[in-house]
């Protein structure tokens, strides 16, 4: 852990970020008048799961799935046929 003051953090922000990227530091504490006020840490993106196809194989579509399409269309249109 490295601690820097606000002025040093402001003037050397690129160097501090590079230090985190290279793995030289795990975190950098920014202090004002010797008292810690903020932490600068490397961003670790959350491991997201792939969504597309996530339900593949979990259900099957029945053969008569489209059987009521005409009746549903009549309900929406207000027409009777």
PDB file of N, CA and C in Angstrom:
ATOM      1  N   UNK A   1       0.846  -1.180   0.000  1.00  0.00           N
ATOM      2  CA  UNK A   1       0.000   0.000   0.000  1.00  0.00           C
ATOM      3  C   UNK A   1       0.887   1.238   0.000  1.00  0.00           C
ATOM      4  N   UNK A   2       0.577   2.126  -0.897  1.00  0.00           N
ATOM      5  CA  UNK A   2       1.287   3.392  -1.008  1.00  0.00           C
ATOM      6  C   UNK A   2       0.353   4.499  -0.560  1.00  0.00           C
ATOM      7  N   UNK A   3       0.886   5.476   0.156  1.00  0.00           N
ATOM      8  CA  UNK A   3       0.076   6.627   0.555  1.00  0.00           C
ATOM      9  C   UNK A   3       0.688   7.875  -0.044  1.00  0.00           C
ATOM     10  N   UNK A   4      -0.155   8.690  -0.672  1.00  0.00           N
ATOM     11  CA  UNK A   4       0.284   9.949  -1.272  1.00  0.00           C
ATOM     12  C   UNK A   4      -0.642  11.053  -0.807  1.00  0.00           C
ATOM     13  N   UNK A   5      -0.151  12.291  -0.859  1.00  0.00           N
ATOM     14  CA  UNK A   5      -1.019  13.400  -0.496  1.00  0.00           C
ATOM     15  C   UNK A   5      -1.806  13.847  -1.728  1.00  0.00           C
ATOM     16  N   UNK A   6      -2.794  14.686  -1.534  1.00  0.00           N
ATOM     17  CA  UNK A   6      -3.694  15.103  -2.605  1.00  0.00           C
ATOM     18  C   UNK A   6      -2.923  15.780  -3.734  1.00  0.00           C
ATOM     19  N   UNK A   7      -1.984  16.649  -3.409  1.00  0.00           N
ATOM     20  CA  UNK A   7      -1.216  17.360  -4.436  1.00  0.00           C
ATOM     21  C   UNK A   7      -0.427  16.373  -5.285  1.00  0.00           C
ATOM     22  N   UNK A   8       0.226  15.419  -4.647  1.00  0.00           N
ATOM     23  CA  UNK A   8       1.007  14.424  -5.379  1.00  0.00           C
ATOM     24  C   UNK A   8       0.087  13.559  -6.243  1.00  0.00           C
ATOM     25  N   UNK A   9      -1.077  13.200  -5.728  1.00  0.00           N
ATOM     26  CA  UNK A   9      -2.028  12.404  -6.504  1.00  0.00           C
ATOM     27  C   UNK A   9      -2.501  13.173  -7.727  1.00  0.00           C
ATOM     28  N   UNK A  10      -2.697  14.478  -7.552  1.00  0.00           N
ATOM     29  CA  UNK A  10      -3.160  15.298  -8.657  1.00  0.00           C
ATOM     30  C   UNK A  10      -2.090  15.429  -9.739  1.00  0.00           C
ATOM     31  N   UNK A  11      -0.852  15.611  -9.328  1.00  0.00           N
ATOM     32  CA  UNK A  11       0.219  15.817 -10.312  1.00  0.00           C
ATOM     33  C   UNK A  11       0.742  14.522 -10.916  1.00  0.00           C
ATOM     34  N   UNK A  12       0.594  13.405 -10.219  1.00  0.00           N
ATOM     35  CA  UNK A  12       1.149  12.137 -10.698  1.00  0.00           C
ATOM     36  C   UNK A  12       0.076  11.071 -10.914  1.00  0.00           C
ATOM     37  N   UNK A  13      -1.138  11.474 -11.261  1.00  0.00           N
ATOM     38  CA  UNK A  13      -2.228  10.521 -11.405  1.00  0.00           C
ATOM     39  C   UNK A  13      -1.910   9.450 -12.447  1.00  0.00           C
ATOM     40  N   UNK A  14      -1.348   9.833 -13.573  1.00  0.00           N
ATOM     41  CA  UNK A  14      -1.023   8.846 -14.613  1.00  0.00           C
ATOM     42  C   UNK A  14      -0.027   7.813 -14.105  1.00  0.00           C
ATOM     43  N   UNK A  15       0.974   8.263 -13.369  1.00  0.00           N
ATOM     44  CA  UNK A  15       1.968   7.336 -12.816  1.00  0.00           C
ATOM     45  C   UNK A  15       1.342   6.406 -11.790  1.00  0.00           C
ATOM     46  N   UNK A  16       0.442   6.932 -10.974  1.00  0.00           N
ATOM     47  CA  UNK A  16      -0.217   6.109  -9.961  1.00  0.00           C
ATOM     48  C   UNK A  16      -1.099   5.050 -10.613  1.00  0.00           C
ATOM     49  N   UNK A  17      -1.808   5.438 -11.663  1.00  0.00           N
ATOM     50  CA  UNK A  17      -2.643   4.477 -12.382  1.00  0.00           C
ATOM     51  C   UNK A  17      -1.779   3.410 -13.038  1.00  0.00           C
ATOM     52  N   UNK A  18      -0.668   3.814 -13.630  1.00  0.00           N
ATOM     53  CA  UNK A  18       0.248   2.845 -14.248  1.00  0.00           C
ATOM     54  C   UNK A  18       0.791   1.876 -13.201  1.00  0.00           C
ATOM     55  N   UNK A  19       1.041   2.361 -12.002  1.00  0.00           N
ATOM     56  CA  UNK A  19       1.525   1.507 -10.919  1.00  0.00           C
ATOM     57  C   UNK A  19       0.501   0.439 -10.564  1.00  0.00           C
ATOM     58  N   UNK A  20      -0.779   0.817 -10.589  1.00  0.00           N
ATOM     59  CA  UNK A  20      -1.842  -0.158 -10.333  1.00  0.00           C
ATOM     60  C   UNK A  20      -1.956  -1.149 -11.482  1.00  0.00           C
ATOM     61  N   UNK A  21      -1.876  -0.650 -12.710  1.00  0.00           N
ATOM     62  CA  UNK A  21      -1.986  -1.520 -13.886  1.00  0.00           C
ATOM     63  C   UNK A  21      -0.860  -2.546 -13.952  1.00  0.00           C
ATOM     64  N   UNK A  22       0.344  -2.124 -13.600  1.00  0.00           N
ATOM     65  CA  UNK A  22       1.507  -3.007 -13.650  1.00  0.00           C
ATOM     66  C   UNK A  22       1.547  -3.998 -12.498  1.00  0.00           C
ATOM     67  N   UNK A  23       0.732  -3.774 -11.495  1.00  0.00           N
ATOM     68  CA  UNK A  23       0.721  -4.658 -10.341  1.00  0.00           C
ATOM     69  C   UNK A  23       1.751  -4.284  -9.288  1.00  0.00           C
ATOM     70  N   UNK A  24       2.383  -3.112  -9.443  1.00  0.00           N
ATOM     71  CA  UNK A  24       3.349  -2.664  -8.440  1.00  0.00           C
ATOM     72  C   UNK A  24       2.672  -2.370  -7.106  1.00  0.00           C
ATOM     73  N   UNK A  25       1.439  -1.868  -7.164  1.00  0.00           N
ATOM     74  CA  UNK A  25       0.665  -1.554  -5.961  1.00  0.00           C
ATOM     75  C   UNK A  25      -0.712  -2.186  -6.062  1.00  0.00           C
ATOM     76  N   UNK A  26      -1.234  -2.678  -4.941  1.00  0.00           N
ATOM     77  CA  UNK A  26      -2.597  -3.199  -4.881  1.00  0.00           C
ATOM     78  C   UNK A  26      -3.591  -2.058  -4.706  1.00  0.00           C
ATOM     79  N   UNK A  27      -3.205  -1.099  -3.873  1.00  0.00           N
ATOM     80  CA  UNK A  27      -4.046   0.074  -3.646  1.00  0.00           C
ATOM     81  C   UNK A  27      -3.174   1.259  -3.291  1.00  0.00           C
ATOM     82  N   UNK A  28      -3.686   2.446  -3.571  1.00  0.00           N
ATOM     83  CA  UNK A  28      -2.988   3.684  -3.244  1.00  0.00           C
ATOM     84  C   UNK A  28      -3.952   4.520  -2.416  1.00  0.00           C
ATOM     85  N   UNK A  29      -3.498   4.927  -1.249  1.00  0.00           N
ATOM     86  CA  UNK A  29      -4.319   5.732  -0.350  1.00  0.00           C
ATOM     87  C   UNK A  29      -3.967   7.195  -0.571  1.00  0.00           C
ATOM     88  N   UNK A  30      -4.999   8.008  -0.776  1.00  0.00           N
ATOM     89  CA  UNK A  30      -4.800   9.453  -0.944  1.00  0.00           C
ATOM     90  C   UNK A  30      -5.170  10.115   0.374  1.00  0.00           C
ATOM     91  N   UNK A  31      -4.243  10.928   0.881  1.00  0.00           N
ATOM     92  CA  UNK A  31      -4.435  11.547   2.203  1.00  0.00           C
ATOM     93  C   UNK A  31      -4.410  13.064   2.104  1.00  0.00           C
ATOM     94  N   UNK A  32      -5.128  13.692   3.016  1.00  0.00           N
ATOM     95  CA  UNK A  32      -5.102  15.147   3.145  1.00  0.00           C
ATOM     96  C   UNK A  32      -4.626  15.436   4.569  1.00  0.00           C
ATOM     97  N   UNK A  33      -3.538  16.148   4.651  1.00  0.00           N
ATOM     98  CA  UNK A  33      -2.916  16.463   5.950  1.00  0.00           C
ATOM     99  C   UNK A  33      -2.588  15.196   6.728  1.00  0.00           C
ATOM    100  N   UNK A  34      -2.156  14.166   6.016  1.00  0.00           N
ATOM    101  CA  UNK A  34      -1.744  12.925   6.656  1.00  0.00           C
ATOM    102  C   UNK A  34      -2.879  11.986   7.026  1.00  0.00           C
ATOM    103  N   UNK A  35      -4.127  12.390   6.785  1.00  0.00           N
ATOM    104  CA  UNK A  35      -5.275  11.554   7.122  1.00  0.00           C
ATOM    105  C   UNK A  35      -5.858  10.963   5.832  1.00  0.00           C
ATOM    106  N   UNK A  36      -5.981   9.645   5.752  1.00  0.00           N
ATOM    107  CA  UNK A  36      -6.523   9.015   4.542  1.00  0.00           C
ATOM    108  C   UNK A  36      -7.945   9.486   4.242  1.00  0.00           C
ATOM    109  N   UNK A  37      -8.189   9.827   2.979  1.00  0.00           N
ATOM    110  CA  UNK A  37      -9.525  10.267   2.576  1.00  0.00           C
ATOM    111  C   UNK A  37     -10.079   9.468   1.394  1.00  0.00           C
ATOM    112  N   UNK A  38      -9.212   8.771   0.654  1.00  0.00           N
ATOM    113  CA  UNK A  38      -9.679   8.012  -0.511  1.00  0.00           C
ATOM    114  C   UNK A  38      -8.725   6.867  -0.809  1.00  0.00           C
ATOM    115  N   UNK A  39      -9.266   5.879  -1.530  1.00  0.00           N
ATOM    116  CA  UNK A  39      -8.464   4.732  -1.959  1.00  0.00           C
ATOM    117  C   UNK A  39      -8.537   4.636  -3.466  1.00  0.00           C
ATOM    118  N   UNK A  40      -7.401   4.414  -4.095  1.00  0.00           N
ATOM    119  CA  UNK A  40      -7.331   4.196  -5.530  1.00  0.00           C
ATOM    120  C   UNK A  40      -6.954   2.738  -5.729  1.00  0.00           C
ATOM    121  N   UNK A  41      -7.855   1.970  -6.353  1.00  0.00           N
ATOM    122  CA  UNK A  41      -7.613   0.544  -6.557  1.00  0.00           C
ATOM    123  C   UNK A  41      -7.830   0.197  -8.020  1.00  0.00           C
ATOM    124  N   UNK A  42      -7.257  -0.921  -8.437  1.00  0.00           N
ATOM    125  CA  UNK A  42      -7.415  -1.373  -9.810  1.00  0.00           C
ATOM    126  C   UNK A  42      -8.838  -1.865 -10.026  1.00  0.00           C
ATOM    127  N   UNK A  43      -9.411  -1.535 -11.179  1.00  0.00           N
ATOM    128  CA  UNK A  43     -10.757  -1.958 -11.534  1.00  0.00           C
ATOM    129  C   UNK A  43     -10.726  -3.420 -11.944  1.00  0.00           C
ATOM    130  N   UNK A  44     -11.584  -4.206 -11.327  1.00  0.00           N
ATOM    131  CA  UNK A  44     -11.714  -5.615 -11.677  1.00  0.00           C
ATOM    132  C   UNK A  44     -13.153  -5.810 -12.153  1.00  0.00           C
ATOM    133  N   UNK A  45     -13.350  -5.998 -13.452  1.00  0.00           N
ATOM    134  CA  UNK A  45     -14.723  -6.150 -13.944  1.00  0.00           C
ATOM    135  C   UNK A  45     -15.363  -7.430 -13.408  1.00  0.00           C
ATOM    136  N   UNK A  46     -16.648  -7.335 -13.139  1.00  0.00           N
ATOM    137  CA  UNK A  46     -17.380  -8.493 -12.644  1.00  0.00           C
ATOM    138  C   UNK A  46     -17.484  -9.530 -13.746  1.00  0.00           C
ATOM    139  N   UNK A  47     -17.289 -10.768 -13.381  1.00  0.00           N
ATOM    140  CA  UNK A  47     -17.388 -11.848 -14.351  1.00  0.00           C
ATOM    141  C   UNK A  47     -18.860 -12.109 -14.625  1.00  0.00           C
ATOM    142  N   UNK A  48     -19.328 -11.631 -15.761  1.00  0.00           N
ATOM    143  CA  UNK A  48     -20.729 -11.808 -16.119  1.00  0.00           C
ATOM    144  C   UNK A  48     -20.939 -13.108 -16.871  1.00  0.00           C
ATOM    145  N   UNK A  49     -22.103 -13.653 -16.692  1.00  0.00           N
ATOM    146  CA  UNK A  49     -22.442 -14.878 -17.397  1.00  0.00           C
ATOM    147  C   UNK A  49     -23.033 -14.520 -18.758  1.00  0.00           C
ATOM    148  N   UNK A  50     -22.823 -15.400 -19.706  1.00  0.00           N
ATOM    149  CA  UNK A  50     -23.372 -15.199 -21.034  1.00  0.00           C
ATOM    150  C   UNK A  50     -24.883 -15.398 -20.967  1.00  0.00           C
ATOM    151  N   UNK A  51     -25.661 -14.427 -21.454  1.00  0.00           N
ATOM    152  CA  UNK A  51     -27.115 -14.511 -21.384  1.00  0.00           C
ATOM    153  C   UNK A  51     -27.724 -15.195 -22.592  1.00  0.00           C
ATOM    154  N   UNK A  52     -27.197 -14.944 -23.770  1.00  0.00           N
ATOM    155  CA  UNK A  52     -27.806 -15.479 -24.974  1.00  0.00           C
ATOM    156  C   UNK A  52     -27.699 -17.001 -24.944  1.00  0.00           C
ATOM    157  N   UNK A  53     -28.823 -17.644 -25.071  1.00  0.00           N
ATOM    158  CA  UNK A  53     -28.848 -19.095 -25.057  1.00  0.00           C
ATOM    159  C   UNK A  53     -28.762 -19.702 -23.670  1.00  0.00           C
ATOM    160  N   UNK A  54     -28.964 -18.902 -22.645  1.00  0.00           N
ATOM    161  CA  UNK A  54     -28.794 -19.418 -21.286  1.00  0.00           C
ATOM    162  C   UNK A  54     -29.878 -20.426 -20.894  1.00  0.00           C
ATOM    163  N   UNK A  55     -31.025 -20.417 -21.585  1.00  0.00           N
ATOM    164  CA  UNK A  55     -32.101 -21.356 -21.250  1.00  0.00           C
ATOM    165  C   UNK A  55     -32.164 -22.525 -22.238  1.00  0.00           C
ATOM    166  N   UNK A  56     -31.152 -22.648 -23.056  1.00  0.00           N
ATOM    167  CA  UNK A  56     -31.152 -23.692 -24.074  1.00  0.00           C
ATOM    168  C   UNK A  56     -31.289 -25.067 -23.423  1.00  0.00           C
ATOM    169  N   UNK A  57     -32.268 -25.836 -23.930  1.00  0.00           N
ATOM    170  CA  UNK A  57     -32.486 -27.180 -23.430  1.00  0.00           C
ATOM    171  C   UNK A  57     -33.324 -27.260 -22.167  1.00  0.00           C
ATOM    172  N   UNK A  58     -33.778 -26.132 -21.634  1.00  0.00           N
ATOM    173  CA  UNK A  58     -34.541 -26.155 -20.385  1.00  0.00           C
ATOM    174  C   UNK A  58     -36.036 -26.355 -20.608  1.00  0.00           C
ATOM    175  N   UNK A  59     -36.517 -26.122 -21.828  1.00  0.00           N
ATOM    176  CA  UNK A  59     -37.930 -26.343 -22.117  1.00  0.00           C
ATOM    177  C   UNK A  59     -38.088 -26.655 -23.600  1.00  0.00           C
ATOM    178  N   UNK A  60     -39.243 -27.186 -23.942  1.00  0.00           N
ATOM    179  CA  UNK A  60     -39.547 -27.470 -25.344  1.00  0.00           C
ATOM    180  C   UNK A  60     -40.854 -26.779 -25.704  1.00  0.00           C
ATOM    181  N   UNK A  61     -40.966 -26.375 -26.951  1.00  0.00           N
ATOM    182  CA  UNK A  61     -42.163 -25.708 -27.441  1.00  0.00           C
ATOM    183  C   UNK A  61     -43.134 -26.795 -27.914  1.00  0.00           C
ATOM    184  N   UNK A  62     -44.376 -26.766 -27.428  1.00  0.00           N
ATOM    185  CA  UNK A  62     -45.337 -27.781 -27.854  1.00  0.00           C
ATOM    186  C   UNK A  62     -45.650 -27.655 -29.345  1.00  0.00           C
ATOM    187  N   UNK A  63     -46.071 -28.763 -29.959  1.00  0.00           N
ATOM    188  CA  UNK A  63     -46.379 -28.771 -31.393  1.00  0.00           C
ATOM    189  C   UNK A  63     -47.552 -27.868 -31.744  1.00  0.00           C
ATOM    190  N   UNK A  64     -48.523 -27.711 -30.836  1.00  0.00           N
ATOM    191  CA  UNK A  64     -49.699 -26.883 -31.118  1.00  0.00           C
ATOM    192  C   UNK A  64     -49.557 -25.452 -30.588  1.00  0.00           C
ATOM    193  N   UNK A  65     -48.338 -24.964 -30.502  1.00  0.00           N
ATOM    194  CA  UNK A  65     -48.060 -23.636 -29.942  1.00  0.00           C
ATOM    195  C   UNK A  65     -48.805 -22.531 -30.689  1.00  0.00           C
ATOM    196  N   UNK A  66     -48.896 -22.621 -32.020  1.00  0.00           N
ATOM    197  CA  UNK A  66     -49.511 -21.578 -32.838  1.00  0.00           C
ATOM    198  C   UNK A  66     -50.996 -21.831 -33.107  1.00  0.00           C
ATOM    199  N   UNK A  67     -51.585 -22.818 -32.493  1.00  0.00           N
ATOM    200  CA  UNK A  67     -52.963 -23.212 -32.789  1.00  0.00           C
ATOM    201  C   UNK A  67     -53.973 -22.114 -32.484  1.00  0.00           C
ATOM    202  N   UNK A  68     -53.765 -21.296 -31.494  1.00  0.00           N
ATOM    203  CA  UNK A  68     -54.738 -20.276 -31.084  1.00  0.00           C
ATOM    204  C   UNK A  68     -54.437 -18.899 -31.651  1.00  0.00           C
ATOM    205  N   UNK A  69     -53.543 -18.777 -32.617  1.00  0.00           N
ATOM    206  CA  UNK A  69     -53.178 -17.469 -33.162  1.00  0.00           C
ATOM    207  C   UNK A  69     -54.376 -16.708 -33.734  1.00  0.00           C
ATOM    208  N   UNK A  70     -55.230 -17.384 -34.454  1.00  0.00           N
ATOM    209  CA  UNK A  70     -56.391 -16.724 -35.062  1.00  0.00           C
ATOM    210  C   UNK A  70     -57.332 -16.191 -33.987  1.00  0.00           C
ATOM    211  N   UNK A  71     -57.585 -16.976 -32.956  1.00  0.00           N
ATOM    212  CA  UNK A  71     -58.477 -16.549 -31.875  1.00  0.00           C
ATOM    213  C   UNK A  71     -57.887 -15.363 -31.119  1.00  0.00           C
ATOM    214  N   UNK A  72     -56.590 -15.364 -30.908  1.00  0.00           N
ATOM    215  CA  UNK A  72     -55.935 -14.249 -30.211  1.00  0.00           C
ATOM    216  C   UNK A  72     -55.990 -12.997 -31.067  1.00  0.00           C
ATOM    217  N   UNK A  73     -55.773 -13.126 -32.366  1.00  0.00           N
ATOM    218  CA  UNK A  73     -55.853 -11.971 -33.266  1.00  0.00           C
ATOM    219  C   UNK A  73     -57.248 -11.368 -33.254  1.00  0.00           C
ATOM    220  N   UNK A  74     -58.291 -12.207 -33.207  1.00  0.00           N
ATOM    221  CA  UNK A  74     -59.667 -11.707 -33.135  1.00  0.00           C
ATOM    222  C   UNK A  74     -59.887 -10.921 -31.837  1.00  0.00           C
ATOM    223  N   UNK A  75     -59.350 -11.399 -30.732  1.00  0.00           N
ATOM    224  CA  UNK A  75     -59.518 -10.691 -29.452  1.00  0.00           C
ATOM    225  C   UNK A  75     -58.870  -9.310 -29.487  1.00  0.00           C
ATOM    226  N   UNK A  76     -57.740  -9.183 -30.148  1.00  0.00           N
ATOM    227  CA  UNK A  76     -57.057  -7.900 -30.210  1.00  0.00           C
ATOM    228  C   UNK A  76     -57.720  -6.941 -31.197  1.00  0.00           C
ATOM    229  N   UNK A  77     -58.195  -7.460 -32.289  1.00  0.00           N
ATOM    230  CA  UNK A  77     -58.766  -6.595 -33.319  1.00  0.00           C
ATOM    231  C   UNK A  77     -60.227  -6.268 -33.085  1.00  0.00           C
ATOM    232  N   UNK A  78     -60.893  -7.086 -32.309  1.00  0.00           N
ATOM    233  CA  UNK A  78     -62.308  -6.850 -32.049  1.00  0.00           C
ATOM    234  C   UNK A  78     -63.198  -7.419 -33.132  1.00  0.00           C
ATOM    235  N   UNK A  79     -62.604  -8.012 -34.149  1.00  0.00           N
ATOM    236  CA  UNK A  79     -63.364  -8.600 -35.246  1.00  0.00           C
ATOM    237  C   UNK A  79     -63.669 -10.058 -34.906  1.00  0.00           C
ATOM    238  N   UNK A  80     -64.829 -10.502 -35.313  1.00  0.00           N
ATOM    239  CA  UNK A  80     -65.152 -11.916 -35.171  1.00  0.00           C
ATOM    240  C   UNK A  80     -65.222 -12.531 -36.545  1.00  0.00           C
ATOM    241  N   UNK A  81     -64.719 -13.713 -36.691  1.00  0.00           N
ATOM    242  CA  UNK A  81     -64.662 -14.253 -38.026  1.00  0.00           C
ATOM    243  C   UNK A  81     -65.157 -15.590 -38.052  1.00  0.00           C
TER     244      UNK A  81
END
